[in-house]
Amino acid sequence: MKVLAGDLGGTKALLGIAEISGDRPEFILTRRLASADFSGPEALLAAFQTEASTQMQGIAAACLAVAGPVEADGRRASFTNLPWQADAAELAAELGMPVRLTNDFVAVAAGIAALANDQRLVLQTGEPLADGVRLVIGPGTGLGMAVLVPDGNGFKILPGEGGHVGFAPMDETQLRVWSALMEGHGRVTAERVISGPGLAAIHEILSGESCDPAEVGTRALAGEATARRSVDLFLAAYGAFAGDMALTLLARGGVFLAGGVTQNLLSLMDAGVFMAAFKAKTEHATLACRMPVVVVKDAEIGLKGAALLAGQQEICH
């Protein structure tokens, strides 16, 4: 079955055409586009159609993963960090094929099934339960989340907006960050801190220097002390939040860490800062230690998950 898949984020959009065979999509064509270069998903897909040309022929269905909430019927979606709306019926008319919309982290969760062992970085082996709840979480332009709940012989994927719960500072320095963000934005959500823009905000608050988050990461990876301090605070906040969500769900099936910022800081994820905060749960520290924690190294897992969802008889949303 030939499908069109899209992973449409606030910063970048990945689009691809794949053949579905079993639980692994084989991509014929993939493209990465800058979301800011387009006025909306229609313009983005039109540009891809023009480039893909004859390879668009024979596509049976499409699934587009959207960085934002999707309505319960899967027909409309809003982008959290872009002034975009998506309407499945309008996109289907433009593309000439059935289109379903799904949350971007629902697609990431779907892609876990196709994740190869060499695309996993295990931070904590834990004591996994085969039928345990699984949590998928990660920062990019925003902070995404989805949950896999045991459902008969498999798992049902539930979207979540956990990134928009309130941020809880864990020490005086994090409280300083919270205070500055509170003054500038009002309510401080986890996403204000644990995201690409959040990393840039942390660095500016701590150092007084306005800097692109990618540059902060690059400088931290190179060993620069000021940038590393910002990244360490970010990883501590990320770890604490992931641990809180894992406790909330009792995610004994595993916690999977994805998202663009996770990818960019991959070599620092096992430095100890993240896991120390993840496990710092006082009376429930032992329970936190039983939860497997895995970094997803596959940067295209959302696109692969969207392709798998497009190939299903009924697409999760």
C-alpha atoms as a PDB file:
ATOM      1  CA  MET A   1       0.000   0.000   0.000  1.00  0.00           C
ATOM      2  CA  LYS A   2       1.380   3.382  -1.023  1.00  0.00           C
ATOM      3  CA  VAL A   3       0.774   6.268   1.386  1.00  0.00           C
ATOM      4  CA  LEU A   4       1.596   9.914   1.949  1.00  0.00           C
ATOM      5  CA  ALA A   5       2.855  10.827   5.433  1.00  0.00           C
ATOM      6  CA  GLY A   6       3.571  14.158   7.026  1.00  0.00           C
ATOM      7  CA  ASP A   7       5.041  15.280  10.343  1.00  0.00           C
ATOM      8  CA  LEU A   8       4.193  18.969  10.488  1.00  0.00           C
ATOM      9  CA  GLY A   9       5.906  20.813  13.323  1.00  0.00           C
ATOM     10  CA  GLY A  10       6.227  24.404  14.382  1.00  0.00           C
ATOM     11  CA  THR A  11       9.736  24.721  12.915  1.00  0.00           C
ATOM     12  CA  LYS A  12      10.082  22.007  10.301  1.00  0.00           C
ATOM     13  CA  ALA A  13       7.840  19.746   8.239  1.00  0.00           C
ATOM     14  CA  LEU A  14       8.823  16.263   7.114  1.00  0.00           C
ATOM     15  CA  LEU A  15       6.867  14.809   4.198  1.00  0.00           C
ATOM     16  CA  GLY A  16       7.274  11.443   2.553  1.00  0.00           C
ATOM     17  CA  ILE A  17       5.807   8.814   0.264  1.00  0.00           C
ATOM     18  CA  ALA A  18       6.118   5.240   1.498  1.00  0.00           C
ATOM     19  CA  GLU A  19       5.159   1.678   0.741  1.00  0.00           C
ATOM     20  CA  ILE A  20       3.720  -0.096   3.774  1.00  0.00           C
ATOM     21  CA  SER A  21       4.707  -3.727   4.266  1.00  0.00           C
ATOM     22  CA  GLY A  22       4.203  -5.191   7.741  1.00  0.00           C
ATOM     23  CA  ASP A  23       5.172  -2.815  10.551  1.00  0.00           C
ATOM     24  CA  ARG A  24       7.937  -0.928   8.732  1.00  0.00           C
ATOM     25  CA  PRO A  25       7.339   1.720   6.065  1.00  0.00           C
ATOM     26  CA  GLU A  26       9.753   1.847   3.128  1.00  0.00           C
ATOM     27  CA  PHE A  27      10.108   5.433   1.961  1.00  0.00           C
ATOM     28  CA  ILE A  28      10.369   6.189  -1.741  1.00  0.00           C
ATOM     29  CA  LEU A  29      10.813   9.915  -1.178  1.00  0.00           C
ATOM     30  CA  THR A  30      11.223  12.222   1.837  1.00  0.00           C
ATOM     31  CA  ARG A  31      11.593  15.974   2.055  1.00  0.00           C
ATOM     32  CA  ARG A  32      12.269  18.416   4.894  1.00  0.00           C
ATOM     33  CA  LEU A  33      10.753  21.896   4.567  1.00  0.00           C
ATOM     34  CA  ALA A  34      10.783  24.971   6.818  1.00  0.00           C
ATOM     35  CA  SER A  35       7.267  25.535   8.159  1.00  0.00           C
ATOM     36  CA  ALA A  36       7.754  29.319   8.287  1.00  0.00           C
ATOM     37  CA  ASP A  37       8.191  29.405   4.494  1.00  0.00           C
ATOM     38  CA  PHE A  38       4.511  28.556   3.963  1.00  0.00           C
ATOM     39  CA  SER A  39       1.185  30.208   4.746  1.00  0.00           C
ATOM     40  CA  GLY A  40      -0.450  26.956   5.831  1.00  0.00           C
ATOM     41  CA  PRO A  41      -0.580  23.191   5.293  1.00  0.00           C
ATOM     42  CA  GLU A  42      -2.263  23.583   1.905  1.00  0.00           C
ATOM     43  CA  ALA A  43       0.644  25.622   0.531  1.00  0.00           C
ATOM     44  CA  LEU A  44       3.146  23.219   2.078  1.00  0.00           C
ATOM     45  CA  LEU A  45       1.503  20.162   0.496  1.00  0.00           C
ATOM     46  CA  ALA A  46       1.124  21.921  -2.865  1.00  0.00           C
ATOM     47  CA  ALA A  47       4.883  22.537  -2.941  1.00  0.00           C
ATOM     48  CA  PHE A  48       5.553  18.901  -2.069  1.00  0.00           C
ATOM     49  CA  GLN A  49       3.112  17.686  -4.736  1.00  0.00           C
ATOM     50  CA  THR A  50       4.887  19.749  -7.375  1.00  0.00           C
ATOM     51  CA  GLU A  51       8.269  18.339  -6.403  1.00  0.00           C
ATOM     52  CA  ALA A  52       7.071  14.743  -6.035  1.00  0.00           C
ATOM     53  CA  SER A  53       5.278  14.880  -9.398  1.00  0.00           C
ATOM     54  CA  THR A  54       4.631  11.380 -10.820  1.00  0.00           C
ATOM     55  CA  GLN A  55       5.530   9.704  -7.504  1.00  0.00           C
ATOM     56  CA  MET A  56       2.210  11.004  -6.167  1.00  0.00           C
ATOM     57  CA  GLN A  57       0.337   8.608  -8.439  1.00  0.00           C
ATOM     58  CA  GLY A  58      -1.213   5.550  -6.830  1.00  0.00           C
ATOM     59  CA  ILE A  59      -1.235   6.853  -3.264  1.00  0.00           C
ATOM     60  CA  ALA A  60      -4.141   5.265  -1.375  1.00  0.00           C
ATOM     61  CA  ALA A  61      -4.313   7.480   1.722  1.00  0.00           C
ATOM     62  CA  ALA A  62      -2.552  10.177   3.718  1.00  0.00           C
ATOM     63  CA  CYS A  63      -1.938  10.816   7.400  1.00  0.00           C
ATOM     64  CA  LEU A  64      -0.683  14.179   8.564  1.00  0.00           C
ATOM     65  CA  ALA A  65       0.708  14.508  12.085  1.00  0.00           C
ATOM     66  CA  VAL A  66       0.061  17.987  13.457  1.00  0.00           C
ATOM     67  CA  ALA A  67       1.911  19.746  16.281  1.00  0.00           C
ATOM     68  CA  GLY A  68      -1.226  20.688  18.159  1.00  0.00           C
ATOM     69  CA  PRO A  69      -4.610  19.403  19.334  1.00  0.00           C
ATOM     70  CA  VAL A  70      -6.826  17.485  16.901  1.00  0.00           C
ATOM     71  CA  GLU A  71     -10.603  17.397  17.265  1.00  0.00           C
ATOM     72  CA  ALA A  72     -12.102  14.140  18.523  1.00  0.00           C
ATOM     73  CA  ASP A  73     -13.398  13.169  15.069  1.00  0.00           C
ATOM     74  CA  GLY A  74      -9.964  13.678  13.524  1.00  0.00           C
ATOM     75  CA  ARG A  75     -11.271  16.121  10.929  1.00  0.00           C
ATOM     76  CA  ARG A  76      -9.808  19.447  12.107  1.00  0.00           C
ATOM     77  CA  ALA A  77      -6.669  20.551  13.910  1.00  0.00           C
ATOM     78  CA  SER A  78      -4.978  23.686  15.197  1.00  0.00           C
ATOM     79  CA  PHE A  79      -1.219  24.207  15.310  1.00  0.00           C
ATOM     80  CA  THR A  80      -0.036  25.325  18.742  1.00  0.00           C
ATOM     81  CA  ASN A  81       3.014  27.293  17.590  1.00  0.00           C
ATOM     82  CA  LEU A  82       1.883  28.365  14.122  1.00  0.00           C
ATOM     83  CA  PRO A  83      -1.129  30.431  12.960  1.00  0.00           C
ATOM     84  CA  TRP A  84      -2.315  27.421  10.954  1.00  0.00           C
ATOM     85  CA  GLN A  85      -5.515  25.401  10.832  1.00  0.00           C
ATOM     86  CA  ALA A  86      -5.966  22.072   9.070  1.00  0.00           C
ATOM     87  CA  ASP A  87      -9.206  20.662   7.696  1.00  0.00           C
ATOM     88  CA  ALA A  88      -9.095  17.016   6.577  1.00  0.00           C
ATOM     89  CA  ALA A  89     -11.937  17.383   4.055  1.00  0.00           C
ATOM     90  CA  GLU A  90     -10.326  20.385   2.369  1.00  0.00           C
ATOM     91  CA  LEU A  91      -6.922  18.690   2.252  1.00  0.00           C
ATOM     92  CA  ALA A  92      -8.492  15.499   0.848  1.00  0.00           C
ATOM     93  CA  ALA A  93     -10.076  17.541  -1.942  1.00  0.00           C
ATOM     94  CA  GLU A  94      -6.728  19.173  -2.731  1.00  0.00           C
ATOM     95  CA  LEU A  95      -4.748  15.910  -2.660  1.00  0.00           C
ATOM     96  CA  GLY A  96      -7.358  13.660  -4.231  1.00  0.00           C
ATOM     97  CA  MET A  97      -7.134  10.988  -1.517  1.00  0.00           C
ATOM     98  CA  PRO A  98      -8.520  10.266   1.973  1.00  0.00           C
ATOM     99  CA  VAL A  99      -6.747  12.329   4.633  1.00  0.00           C
ATOM    100  CA  ARG A 100      -6.764  11.876   8.385  1.00  0.00           C
ATOM    101  CA  LEU A 101      -5.176  14.206  10.903  1.00  0.00           C
ATOM    102  CA  THR A 102      -3.432  13.064  14.062  1.00  0.00           C
ATOM    103  CA  ASN A 103      -1.455  14.705  16.830  1.00  0.00           C
ATOM    104  CA  ASP A 104       2.292  14.652  16.161  1.00  0.00           C
ATOM    105  CA  PHE A 105       3.081  12.650  19.292  1.00  0.00           C
ATOM    106  CA  VAL A 106       0.372  10.110  18.471  1.00  0.00           C
ATOM    107  CA  ALA A 107       2.410   9.526  15.308  1.00  0.00           C
ATOM    108  CA  VAL A 108       5.617   9.262  17.347  1.00  0.00           C
ATOM    109  CA  ALA A 109       3.894   6.728  19.605  1.00  0.00           C
ATOM    110  CA  ALA A 110       2.780   4.723  16.557  1.00  0.00           C
ATOM    111  CA  GLY A 111       6.362   4.735  15.304  1.00  0.00           C
ATOM    112  CA  ILE A 112       7.635   3.075  18.506  1.00  0.00           C
ATOM    113  CA  ALA A 113       6.463  -0.266  17.055  1.00  0.00           C
ATOM    114  CA  ALA A 114       8.920   0.138  14.175  1.00  0.00           C
ATOM    115  CA  LEU A 115      11.831   1.416  16.286  1.00  0.00           C
ATOM    116  CA  ALA A 116      14.947  -0.682  15.722  1.00  0.00           C
ATOM    117  CA  ASN A 117      17.199  -1.592  18.649  1.00  0.00           C
ATOM    118  CA  ASP A 118      20.071   0.475  17.255  1.00  0.00           C
ATOM    119  CA  GLN A 119      17.788   3.519  17.334  1.00  0.00           C
ATOM    120  CA  ARG A 120      17.359   3.250  21.122  1.00  0.00           C
ATOM    121  CA  LEU A 121      19.620   4.774  23.783  1.00  0.00           C
ATOM    122  CA  VAL A 122      18.710   3.140  27.101  1.00  0.00           C
ATOM    123  CA  LEU A 123      19.137   5.514  30.049  1.00  0.00           C
ATOM    124  CA  GLN A 124      17.530   3.152  32.544  1.00  0.00           C
ATOM    125  CA  THR A 125      16.770  -0.534  32.022  1.00  0.00           C
ATOM    126  CA  GLY A 126      14.240  -0.616  34.844  1.00  0.00           C
ATOM    127  CA  GLU A 127      11.865  -3.527  35.307  1.00  0.00           C
ATOM    128  CA  PRO A 128       9.576  -3.324  32.255  1.00  0.00           C
ATOM    129  CA  LEU A 129       6.096  -4.789  32.205  1.00  0.00           C
ATOM    130  CA  ALA A 130       5.066  -6.071  28.756  1.00  0.00           C
ATOM    131  CA  ASP A 131       1.497  -4.892  29.298  1.00  0.00           C
ATOM    132  CA  GLY A 132       2.443  -1.690  31.113  1.00  0.00           C
ATOM    133  CA  VAL A 133       1.456   1.810  30.064  1.00  0.00           C
ATOM    134  CA  ARG A 134       4.028   3.516  27.846  1.00  0.00           C
ATOM    135  CA  LEU A 135       4.714   7.249  27.840  1.00  0.00           C
ATOM    136  CA  VAL A 136       6.109   9.082  24.810  1.00  0.00           C
ATOM    137  CA  ILE A 137       7.296  12.614  25.502  1.00  0.00           C
ATOM    138  CA  GLY A 138       9.684  15.176  24.091  1.00  0.00           C
ATOM    139  CA  PRO A 139      10.555  18.812  23.432  1.00  0.00           C
ATOM    140  CA  GLY A 140      10.813  20.493  20.051  1.00  0.00           C
ATOM    141  CA  THR A 141       9.242  23.827  19.197  1.00  0.00           C
ATOM    142  CA  GLY A 142       6.726  22.773  21.857  1.00  0.00           C
ATOM    143  CA  LEU A 143       6.521  19.905  24.365  1.00  0.00           C
ATOM    144  CA  GLY A 144       4.663  16.876  23.036  1.00  0.00           C
ATOM    145  CA  MET A 145       3.195  13.859  24.770  1.00  0.00           C
ATOM    146  CA  ALA A 146       1.187  10.719  24.037  1.00  0.00           C
ATOM    147  CA  VAL A 147       0.325   7.557  25.943  1.00  0.00           C
ATOM    148  CA  LEU A 148       0.101   3.927  24.815  1.00  0.00           C
ATOM    149  CA  VAL A 149      -2.459   2.015  26.872  1.00  0.00           C
ATOM    150  CA  PRO A 150      -2.798  -1.793  26.699  1.00  0.00           C
ATOM    151  CA  ASP A 151      -5.827  -2.715  24.586  1.00  0.00           C
ATOM    152  CA  GLY A 152      -6.376  -6.448  24.046  1.00  0.00           C
ATOM    153  CA  ASN A 153      -3.424  -7.763  22.049  1.00  0.00           C
ATOM    154  CA  GLY A 154      -1.939  -4.364  21.365  1.00  0.00           C
ATOM    155  CA  PHE A 155      -1.954  -0.752  22.480  1.00  0.00           C
ATOM    156  CA  LYS A 156      -4.356   2.121  22.036  1.00  0.00           C
ATOM    157  CA  ILE A 157      -2.733   5.510  21.523  1.00  0.00           C
ATOM    158  CA  LEU A 158      -4.100   8.461  23.467  1.00  0.00           C
ATOM    159  CA  PRO A 159      -3.023  12.036  22.702  1.00  0.00           C
ATOM    160  CA  GLY A 160      -2.098  14.339  25.551  1.00  0.00           C
ATOM    161  CA  GLU A 161      -1.344  17.998  26.200  1.00  0.00           C
ATOM    162  CA  GLY A 162       0.789  17.451  29.298  1.00  0.00           C
ATOM    163  CA  GLY A 163       3.238  20.082  28.090  1.00  0.00           C
ATOM    164  CA  HIS A 164       0.712  22.719  29.073  1.00  0.00           C
ATOM    165  CA  VAL A 165       0.506  21.834  32.758  1.00  0.00           C
ATOM    166  CA  GLY A 166       2.134  24.298  35.144  1.00  0.00           C
ATOM    167  CA  PHE A 167       5.906  24.243  35.497  1.00  0.00           C
ATOM    168  CA  ALA A 168       7.142  23.340  38.999  1.00  0.00           C
ATOM    169  CA  PRO A 169      10.611  24.788  39.799  1.00  0.00           C
ATOM    170  CA  MET A 170      12.798  22.394  41.788  1.00  0.00           C
ATOM    171  CA  ASP A 171      15.489  24.744  43.130  1.00  0.00           C
ATOM    172  CA  GLU A 172      16.392  28.412  43.481  1.00  0.00           C
ATOM    173  CA  THR A 173      17.805  28.727  39.965  1.00  0.00           C
ATOM    174  CA  GLN A 174      14.718  27.170  38.399  1.00  0.00           C
ATOM    175  CA  LEU A 175      12.614  29.490  40.556  1.00  0.00           C
ATOM    176  CA  ARG A 176      14.551  32.421  39.067  1.00  0.00           C
ATOM    177  CA  VAL A 177      13.669  31.163  35.576  1.00  0.00           C
ATOM    178  CA  TRP A 178      10.027  30.670  36.592  1.00  0.00           C
ATOM    179  CA  SER A 179       9.837  34.221  38.008  1.00  0.00           C
ATOM    180  CA  ALA A 180      11.256  35.799  34.859  1.00  0.00           C
ATOM    181  CA  LEU A 181       8.876  33.825  32.639  1.00  0.00           C
ATOM    182  CA  MET A 182       5.950  34.630  34.930  1.00  0.00           C
ATOM    183  CA  GLU A 183       6.711  38.318  34.600  1.00  0.00           C
ATOM    184  CA  GLY A 184       6.921  38.065  30.823  1.00  0.00           C
ATOM    185  CA  HIS A 185       4.098  35.644  30.035  1.00  0.00           C
ATOM    186  CA  GLY A 186       1.815  35.156  33.015  1.00  0.00           C
ATOM    187  CA  ARG A 187       1.151  31.461  33.699  1.00  0.00           C
ATOM    188  CA  VAL A 188       4.330  29.417  33.210  1.00  0.00           C
ATOM    189  CA  THR A 189       3.697  26.062  31.584  1.00  0.00           C
ATOM    190  CA  ALA A 190       6.185  23.202  31.318  1.00  0.00           C
ATOM    191  CA  GLU A 191       6.479  23.997  27.604  1.00  0.00           C
ATOM    192  CA  ARG A 192       7.726  27.518  28.378  1.00  0.00           C
ATOM    193  CA  VAL A 193      10.824  25.890  29.882  1.00  0.00           C
ATOM    194  CA  ILE A 194      11.126  22.446  28.267  1.00  0.00           C
ATOM    195  CA  SER A 195      11.228  23.241  24.546  1.00  0.00           C
ATOM    196  CA  GLY A 196      13.561  24.847  22.022  1.00  0.00           C
ATOM    197  CA  PRO A 197      12.272  28.353  22.836  1.00  0.00           C
ATOM    198  CA  GLY A 198      12.437  27.352  26.508  1.00  0.00           C
ATOM    199  CA  LEU A 199      16.140  26.538  26.247  1.00  0.00           C
ATOM    200  CA  ALA A 200      16.764  29.925  24.620  1.00  0.00           C
ATOM    201  CA  ALA A 201      14.772  31.622  27.409  1.00  0.00           C
ATOM    202  CA  ILE A 202      16.711  29.773  30.126  1.00  0.00           C
ATOM    203  CA  HIS A 203      20.000  30.860  28.565  1.00  0.00           C
ATOM    204  CA  GLU A 204      18.932  34.489  28.286  1.00  0.00           C
ATOM    205  CA  ILE A 205      17.677  34.589  31.887  1.00  0.00           C
ATOM    206  CA  LEU A 206      20.847  33.002  33.294  1.00  0.00           C
ATOM    207  CA  SER A 207      23.445  34.697  31.091  1.00  0.00           C
ATOM    208  CA  GLY A 208      21.773  37.834  29.746  1.00  0.00           C
ATOM    209  CA  GLU A 209      22.618  36.635  26.238  1.00  0.00           C
ATOM    210  CA  SER A 210      19.974  36.240  23.531  1.00  0.00           C
ATOM    211  CA  CYS A 211      20.868  33.117  21.586  1.00  0.00           C
ATOM    212  CA  ASP A 212      19.232  30.616  19.233  1.00  0.00           C
ATOM    213  CA  PRO A 213      18.523  27.309  21.055  1.00  0.00           C
ATOM    214  CA  ALA A 214      20.500  25.340  18.488  1.00  0.00           C
ATOM    215  CA  GLU A 215      23.531  27.528  19.198  1.00  0.00           C
ATOM    216  CA  VAL A 216      23.135  27.070  22.954  1.00  0.00           C
ATOM    217  CA  GLY A 217      23.130  23.301  22.388  1.00  0.00           C
ATOM    218  CA  THR A 218      26.125  23.403  20.071  1.00  0.00           C
ATOM    219  CA  ARG A 219      28.156  25.476  22.509  1.00  0.00           C
ATOM    220  CA  ALA A 220      27.207  23.215  25.418  1.00  0.00           C
ATOM    221  CA  LEU A 221      28.257  20.153  23.421  1.00  0.00           C
ATOM    222  CA  ALA A 222      31.588  21.889  22.774  1.00  0.00           C
ATOM    223  CA  GLY A 223      32.112  22.295  26.515  1.00  0.00           C
ATOM    224  CA  GLU A 224      31.377  26.004  26.970  1.00  0.00           C
ATOM    225  CA  ALA A 225      30.535  26.472  30.647  1.00  0.00           C
ATOM    226  CA  THR A 226      27.814  29.134  30.342  1.00  0.00           C
ATOM    227  CA  ALA A 227      25.881  27.212  27.693  1.00  0.00           C
ATOM    228  CA  ARG A 228      26.355  23.944  29.588  1.00  0.00           C
ATOM    229  CA  ARG A 229      24.842  25.526  32.698  1.00  0.00           C
ATOM    230  CA  SER A 230      21.759  26.464  30.668  1.00  0.00           C
ATOM    231  CA  VAL A 231      21.495  22.994  29.146  1.00  0.00           C
ATOM    232  CA  ASP A 232      21.945  21.305  32.525  1.00  0.00           C
ATOM    233  CA  LEU A 233      19.043  23.309  33.960  1.00  0.00           C
ATOM    234  CA  PHE A 234      16.977  22.408  30.900  1.00  0.00           C
ATOM    235  CA  LEU A 235      17.787  18.693  31.276  1.00  0.00           C
ATOM    236  CA  ALA A 236      16.996  18.776  34.985  1.00  0.00           C
ATOM    237  CA  ALA A 237      13.604  20.373  34.311  1.00  0.00           C
ATOM    238  CA  TYR A 238      12.971  17.895  31.464  1.00  0.00           C
ATOM    239  CA  GLY A 239      13.901  14.921  33.650  1.00  0.00           C
ATOM    240  CA  ALA A 240      11.743  16.060  36.562  1.00  0.00           C
ATOM    241  CA  PHE A 241       8.758  16.638  34.284  1.00  0.00           C
ATOM    242  CA  ALA A 242       9.159  13.285  32.510  1.00  0.00           C
ATOM    243  CA  GLY A 243       9.376  11.558  35.884  1.00  0.00           C
ATOM    244  CA  ASP A 244       6.249  13.362  37.117  1.00  0.00           C
ATOM    245  CA  MET A 245       4.288  12.303  34.028  1.00  0.00           C
ATOM    246  CA  ALA A 246       5.613   8.743  34.361  1.00  0.00           C
ATOM    247  CA  LEU A 247       4.430   8.575  37.979  1.00  0.00           C
ATOM    248  CA  THR A 248       1.054  10.029  37.020  1.00  0.00           C
ATOM    249  CA  LEU A 249       0.539   7.244  34.480  1.00  0.00           C
ATOM    250  CA  LEU A 250       2.537   4.489  36.241  1.00  0.00           C
ATOM    251  CA  ALA A 251       4.424   4.045  32.971  1.00  0.00           C
ATOM    252  CA  ARG A 252       5.893   0.625  33.733  1.00  0.00           C
ATOM    253  CA  GLY A 253       5.940  -0.212  30.025  1.00  0.00           C
ATOM    254  CA  GLY A 254       8.588   2.440  29.481  1.00  0.00           C
ATOM    255  CA  VAL A 255       9.216   6.136  28.961  1.00  0.00           C
ATOM    256  CA  PHE A 256      10.319   7.048  25.431  1.00  0.00           C
ATOM    257  CA  LEU A 257      12.036  10.398  24.916  1.00  0.00           C
ATOM    258  CA  ALA A 258      11.697  11.960  21.473  1.00  0.00           C
ATOM    259  CA  GLY A 259      11.520  15.433  19.921  1.00  0.00           C
ATOM    260  CA  GLY A 260      13.963  17.645  18.076  1.00  0.00           C
ATOM    261  CA  VAL A 261      15.698  19.081  21.141  1.00  0.00           C
ATOM    262  CA  THR A 262      16.271  15.569  22.523  1.00  0.00           C
ATOM    263  CA  GLN A 263      17.920  14.681  19.221  1.00  0.00           C
ATOM    264  CA  ASN A 264      20.134  17.763  19.276  1.00  0.00           C
ATOM    265  CA  LEU A 265      21.316  17.074  22.843  1.00  0.00           C
ATOM    266  CA  LEU A 266      21.659  13.324  22.355  1.00  0.00           C
ATOM    267  CA  SER A 267      25.224  13.007  23.634  1.00  0.00           C
ATOM    268  CA  LEU A 268      24.300  14.838  26.875  1.00  0.00           C
ATOM    269  CA  MET A 269      21.171  12.818  27.622  1.00  0.00           C
ATOM    270  CA  ASP A 270      23.142  10.120  29.450  1.00  0.00           C
ATOM    271  CA  ALA A 271      25.343  12.562  31.396  1.00  0.00           C
ATOM    272  CA  GLY A 272      23.332  11.951  34.565  1.00  0.00           C
ATOM    273  CA  VAL A 273      21.477  15.267  34.960  1.00  0.00           C
ATOM    274  CA  PHE A 274      18.278  14.081  33.286  1.00  0.00           C
ATOM    275  CA  MET A 275      18.033  10.763  35.141  1.00  0.00           C
ATOM    276  CA  ALA A 276      18.933  12.253  38.532  1.00  0.00           C
ATOM    277  CA  ALA A 277      15.924  14.579  38.209  1.00  0.00           C
ATOM    278  CA  PHE A 278      13.732  11.808  36.801  1.00  0.00           C
ATOM    279  CA  LYS A 279      14.366   9.620  39.855  1.00  0.00           C
ATOM    280  CA  ALA A 280      14.220  12.366  42.505  1.00  0.00           C
ATOM    281  CA  LYS A 281      10.724  11.397  43.711  1.00  0.00           C
ATOM    282  CA  THR A 282      11.310  11.068  47.486  1.00  0.00           C
ATOM    283  CA  GLU A 283       9.031   8.244  48.691  1.00  0.00           C
ATOM    284  CA  HIS A 284       8.429   7.052  45.102  1.00  0.00           C
ATOM    285  CA  ALA A 285      12.086   7.028  43.973  1.00  0.00           C
ATOM    286  CA  THR A 286      12.091   3.213  43.953  1.00  0.00           C
ATOM    287  CA  LEU A 287       9.061   3.161  41.659  1.00  0.00           C
ATOM    288  CA  ALA A 288      10.719   5.686  39.326  1.00  0.00           C
ATOM    289  CA  CYS A 289      13.782   3.403  39.165  1.00  0.00           C
ATOM    290  CA  ARG A 290      11.605   0.536  37.897  1.00  0.00           C
ATOM    291  CA  MET A 291      10.493   2.451  34.817  1.00  0.00           C
ATOM    292  CA  PRO A 292      12.538   1.853  31.657  1.00  0.00           C
ATOM    293  CA  VAL A 293      13.726   5.126  30.087  1.00  0.00           C
ATOM    294  CA  VAL A 294      14.726   5.100  26.422  1.00  0.00           C
ATOM    295  CA  VAL A 295      15.908   7.914  24.151  1.00  0.00           C
ATOM    296  CA  VAL A 296      14.541   7.607  20.606  1.00  0.00           C
ATOM    297  CA  LYS A 297      17.475   8.248  18.264  1.00  0.00           C
ATOM    298  CA  ASP A 298      15.405   8.067  15.063  1.00  0.00           C
ATOM    299  CA  ALA A 299      14.768  11.678  14.008  1.00  0.00           C
ATOM    300  CA  GLU A 300      12.064  10.555  11.544  1.00  0.00           C
ATOM    301  CA  ILE A 301      10.009   8.438  13.940  1.00  0.00           C
ATOM    302  CA  GLY A 302       7.005  10.777  13.674  1.00  0.00           C
ATOM    303  CA  LEU A 303       7.017  10.532   9.891  1.00  0.00           C
ATOM    304  CA  LYS A 304       7.281   6.735  10.070  1.00  0.00           C
ATOM    305  CA  GLY A 305       4.457   6.576  12.583  1.00  0.00           C
ATOM    306  CA  ALA A 306       2.259   8.753  10.355  1.00  0.00           C
ATOM    307  CA  ALA A 307       2.956   6.392   7.447  1.00  0.00           C
ATOM    308  CA  LEU A 308       1.968   3.383   9.577  1.00  0.00           C
ATOM    309  CA  LEU A 309      -1.233   5.131  10.639  1.00  0.00           C
ATOM    310  CA  ALA A 310      -2.034   5.997   7.027  1.00  0.00           C
ATOM    311  CA  GLY A 311      -1.705   2.331   6.155  1.00  0.00           C
ATOM    312  CA  GLN A 312      -4.197   1.172   8.756  1.00  0.00           C
ATOM    313  CA  GLN A 313      -7.798   0.403   7.980  1.00  0.00           C
ATOM    314  CA  GLU A 314      -8.817   2.823  10.720  1.00  0.00           C
ATOM    315  CA  ILE A 315      -6.365   5.563  11.626  1.00  0.00           C
ATOM    316  CA  CYS A 316      -5.921   6.492  15.281  1.00  0.00           C
ATOM    317  CA  HIS A 317      -6.442  10.153  16.079  1.00  0.00           C
END
